[in-house]
Amino acid sequence: MSNALAIAHVTQALALLIEANLQPEIDMAVKVEPRKPPADPPAEPTITVFPYQVTPNTSQRNNDLPTRSSDGTLLGRPAAALDVHFLISAYGEESELVGQRLIGSVVRTLHEIPVLPADVIELAGERPYLTGSDLAEAVQRVRFTPTVMDIDETSKLWGMLHQTPYTLSVAYQAALVFIEGREVPEPARPVERHTVRVAPFGAPGAPQRPGASGSPAGSPAGPTSGPASGPASGPAAADAPEAGVPGGSVDASDTPKEAPAKADASKKAPAEVEAEADADADAPAKGPAKAGAPPVKRSAKKTASSSRRSGGSRTSGTSRTPRSRKRAQPGTDTDTES
């Protein structure tokens, strides 16, 4: 960074840079002056360096914002990033093309040395009117770039120079030139104590374990592999009444899913199912029948269970069982159903 003398220091350093690099093409004494073109053209060879415009640098103009906190405390020294536009003009004997020779030397010098050297900056700072300038301490060096100007822009530029005749000139832009503020911010307080806190995953204020699903601790990782308990299987399940079915009738849409044991039984061949039904029908009654006892009838619930074993068709309100031969037992009155 540099102070408010940066613009004048760059102008003086540019004039010294041009003057030091006129040789070997120019073998005459040439005056290089940091001022605007004169109203009366000089007769001796002369080069003028005139900063005709200063503009903010668009790429660095907001890099130092904000410079103060909400309470007004200075956080950083504000610095203005500027571009300085120079007009370099040449004068001399027209018959010997002195002005053109001087402009050619200027273009060659700034194309060969586009960055302002540190030794030239220090030499320019020795001028008494630049005492106190700190441009030599700036980290950012000033670079010169030629500026393209058409006839209209050139006419407007020379029109601002009242009663100044036009002469052959070139325009260059110097970037970046920083002008820093005078106020120095208070340094930040140093770190007095380093605190390190260690906590396991899942603790209050600690992050979750990587890959965790977010479920609370102790909860199972996922659903169980199967039902904890299924419906009862075996003869007891076959004889049990079905809930929601009046009169033992079975509807296919109302029948719950059967247990794996029942599914295995339904896979039996029709011949095996018919043999089991005949064996049940031909089995003798337990104990002699009592005199006057009512005839024994097979319940509709038993019939529905036999229908499930045989895999027969089920319809709402009715049930069908395989045909079986009924044998009358002595002393037993049996009601046959088809």
Foldseek 3Di string as FASTA:
>chain_A
DKAPCQVVLVLLLLQVLLLVQLPDLDPDDEAEEADDFDLDFDAAKYKYKYQPDKDFDPVCQCVCPPQADPVGAGDAWDKTWMKTKIKIFIGYDVVVPSRVSSQVSSVVSCVVPFWRDLVSSVVSCVDPVNPPIDPSVDPDIKGKDWDDDDPVRVVVSVVVVPSHDDGDITMIMIDTGMHTDDDGGDDDDDDDDDDDDDDDAPPVPHHHDPPDPPDDPPDDPDDDPDDPDDDDDDPVVLLDADPPAPQQADAPVPDDDDDPVLVVLQPDDLVVLQVVVQVVQPDDDDDADDPPDDADEDGSSNQSSSQSSNVHDGHRPDGDHDDYDHDDDVRHDYDDDD
